Amino acid sequence: MALVSKWRFSGIGLVAINPNNASLSPADTLAQMVKRSTTRGYNFAYLKDADGAVARSYGAVCTPHAFVLDSHRRIVYHGRIDDSRMGPA
């Protein structure tokens, strides 16, 4: 959320896509995702990749796995954002 706030006026955006299997992880159902987004006040789109096709097409191997795309939608970075998906304590 800090990255979105910092870069919001530069034309850079963020989209989070959750490919986790909801039958294996009940916290990753669409309903729980909506609740999480609302509770935490996400300032970015938080989408469900129901069948994991998007994650597979990009080669995601962990959660979270970040991808930075340029204006031509080419991957210019992929990997970690930082060490904590929850942010600073």
C-alpha atoms as a PDB file:
ATOM      1  CA  MET A   1       0.000   0.000   0.000  1.00  0.00           C
ATOM      2  CA  ALA A   2       2.948   2.316   0.692  1.00  0.00           C
ATOM      3  CA  LEU A   3       4.285   1.757  -2.829  1.00  0.00           C
ATOM      4  CA  VAL A   4       0.910   2.685  -4.344  1.00  0.00           C
ATOM      5  CA  SER A   5       0.678   5.822  -2.212  1.00  0.00           C
ATOM      6  CA  LYS A   6       4.245   6.835  -3.063  1.00  0.00           C
ATOM      7  CA  TRP A   7       3.899   6.363  -6.828  1.00  0.00           C
ATOM      8  CA  ARG A   8       0.191   7.155  -7.424  1.00  0.00           C
ATOM      9  CA  PHE A   9       0.861  10.391  -9.338  1.00  0.00           C
ATOM     10  CA  SER A  10       3.587   8.961 -11.568  1.00  0.00           C
ATOM     11  CA  GLY A  11       1.343   6.776 -13.732  1.00  0.00           C
ATOM     12  CA  ILE A  12       2.523   3.599 -12.000  1.00  0.00           C
ATOM     13  CA  GLY A  13      -0.143   1.223 -10.739  1.00  0.00           C
ATOM     14  CA  LEU A  14      -0.312  -1.998  -8.793  1.00  0.00           C
ATOM     15  CA  VAL A  15      -2.555  -5.025  -9.177  1.00  0.00           C
ATOM     16  CA  ALA A  16      -2.429  -7.962  -6.763  1.00  0.00           C
ATOM     17  CA  ILE A  17      -3.558 -11.286  -8.213  1.00  0.00           C
ATOM     18  CA  ASN A  18      -4.241 -14.178  -5.835  1.00  0.00           C
ATOM     19  CA  PRO A  19      -3.771 -17.589  -7.512  1.00  0.00           C
ATOM     20  CA  ASN A  20      -3.998 -19.632  -4.304  1.00  0.00           C
ATOM     21  CA  ASN A  21      -6.357 -22.607  -4.383  1.00  0.00           C
ATOM     22  CA  ALA A  22      -9.300 -21.706  -2.135  1.00  0.00           C
ATOM     23  CA  SER A  23     -10.140 -25.378  -1.541  1.00  0.00           C
ATOM     24  CA  LEU A  24      -6.677 -25.844   0.004  1.00  0.00           C
ATOM     25  CA  SER A  25      -6.566 -22.453   1.701  1.00  0.00           C
ATOM     26  CA  PRO A  26     -10.001 -21.247   2.907  1.00  0.00           C
ATOM     27  CA  ALA A  27      -8.508 -17.800   3.617  1.00  0.00           C
ATOM     28  CA  ASP A  28      -8.111 -17.367  -0.149  1.00  0.00           C
ATOM     29  CA  THR A  29     -11.747 -17.645  -1.206  1.00  0.00           C
ATOM     30  CA  LEU A  30     -13.092 -14.639  -3.095  1.00  0.00           C
ATOM     31  CA  ALA A  31     -15.319 -13.755  -0.118  1.00  0.00           C
ATOM     32  CA  GLN A  32     -12.316 -13.765   2.242  1.00  0.00           C
ATOM     33  CA  MET A  33     -10.292 -11.730  -0.244  1.00  0.00           C
ATOM     34  CA  VAL A  34     -13.033  -9.075  -0.361  1.00  0.00           C
ATOM     35  CA  LYS A  35     -13.143  -9.016   3.437  1.00  0.00           C
ATOM     36  CA  ARG A  36      -9.330  -8.743   3.670  1.00  0.00           C
ATOM     37  CA  SER A  37      -9.213  -5.932   1.096  1.00  0.00           C
ATOM     38  CA  THR A  38     -11.928  -3.974   2.882  1.00  0.00           C
ATOM     39  CA  THR A  39     -10.541  -4.520   6.378  1.00  0.00           C
ATOM     40  CA  ARG A  40      -6.992  -3.589   5.420  1.00  0.00           C
ATOM     41  CA  GLY A  41      -8.035  -0.719   3.152  1.00  0.00           C
ATOM     42  CA  TYR A  42      -6.208  -1.885   0.038  1.00  0.00           C
ATOM     43  CA  ASN A  43      -5.597   1.013  -2.359  1.00  0.00           C
ATOM     44  CA  PHE A  44      -5.023  -1.287  -5.360  1.00  0.00           C
ATOM     45  CA  ALA A  45      -6.977  -3.848  -7.337  1.00  0.00           C
ATOM     46  CA  TYR A  46      -6.972  -7.292  -5.675  1.00  0.00           C
ATOM     47  CA  LEU A  47      -8.025  -9.955  -8.148  1.00  0.00           C
ATOM     48  CA  LYS A  48      -8.686 -13.702  -7.970  1.00  0.00           C
ATOM     49  CA  ASP A  49      -6.866 -15.988 -10.426  1.00  0.00           C
ATOM     50  CA  ALA A  50      -9.381 -18.800  -9.895  1.00  0.00           C
ATOM     51  CA  ASP A  51      -7.630 -21.476 -11.939  1.00  0.00           C
ATOM     52  CA  GLY A  52      -4.043 -20.233 -11.507  1.00  0.00           C
ATOM     53  CA  ALA A  53      -3.646 -19.626 -15.249  1.00  0.00           C
ATOM     54  CA  VAL A  54      -2.265 -16.096 -14.840  1.00  0.00           C
ATOM     55  CA  ALA A  55       0.286 -17.202 -12.234  1.00  0.00           C
ATOM     56  CA  ARG A  56       1.431 -20.086 -14.421  1.00  0.00           C
ATOM     57  CA  SER A  57       1.714 -17.877 -17.502  1.00  0.00           C
ATOM     58  CA  TYR A  58       4.012 -15.460 -15.647  1.00  0.00           C
ATOM     59  CA  GLY A  59       5.949 -18.223 -13.885  1.00  0.00           C
ATOM     60  CA  ALA A  60       5.044 -17.285 -10.313  1.00  0.00           C
ATOM     61  CA  VAL A  61       6.565 -19.736  -7.845  1.00  0.00           C
ATOM     62  CA  CYS A  62       5.654 -18.301  -4.431  1.00  0.00           C
ATOM     63  CA  THR A  63       3.226 -15.990  -2.663  1.00  0.00           C
ATOM     64  CA  PRO A  64       3.863 -13.137  -3.001  1.00  0.00           C
ATOM     65  CA  HIS A  65       5.803 -13.115  -6.258  1.00  0.00           C
ATOM     66  CA  ALA A  66       6.078  -9.602  -7.675  1.00  0.00           C
ATOM     67  CA  PHE A  67       6.280  -8.727 -11.358  1.00  0.00           C
ATOM     68  CA  VAL A  68       7.095  -5.250 -12.636  1.00  0.00           C
ATOM     69  CA  LEU A  69       6.022  -4.599 -16.211  1.00  0.00           C
ATOM     70  CA  ASP A  70       7.086  -1.690 -18.387  1.00  0.00           C
ATOM     71  CA  SER A  71       4.718   0.384 -20.528  1.00  0.00           C
ATOM     72  CA  HIS A  72       4.842  -2.346 -23.186  1.00  0.00           C
ATOM     73  CA  ARG A  73       3.823  -4.962 -20.599  1.00  0.00           C
ATOM     74  CA  ARG A  74       7.235  -6.641 -20.688  1.00  0.00           C
ATOM     75  CA  ILE A  75       8.553  -8.024 -17.400  1.00  0.00           C
ATOM     76  CA  VAL A  76      11.446  -5.865 -16.202  1.00  0.00           C
ATOM     77  CA  TYR A  77      11.681  -7.366 -12.696  1.00  0.00           C
ATOM     78  CA  HIS A  78      10.311 -10.347 -10.863  1.00  0.00           C
ATOM     79  CA  GLY A  79      10.921 -11.595  -7.354  1.00  0.00           C
ATOM     80  CA  ARG A  80      10.373 -10.343  -3.839  1.00  0.00           C
ATOM     81  CA  ILE A  81       9.142  -6.906  -2.846  1.00  0.00           C
ATOM     82  CA  ASP A  82      10.493  -7.174   0.692  1.00  0.00           C
ATOM     83  CA  ASP A  83      10.702  -9.690   3.515  1.00  0.00           C
ATOM     84  CA  SER A  84       7.197  -9.203   4.926  1.00  0.00           C
ATOM     85  CA  ARG A  85       3.853  -9.424   3.202  1.00  0.00           C
ATOM     86  CA  MET A  86       2.283  -7.779   6.277  1.00  0.00           C
ATOM     87  CA  GLY A  87       4.535  -4.696   6.238  1.00  0.00           C
ATOM     88  CA  PRO A  88       6.402  -3.240   9.209  1.00  0.00           C
ATOM     89  CA  ALA A  89       5.292  -4.284  12.689  1.00  0.00           C
END
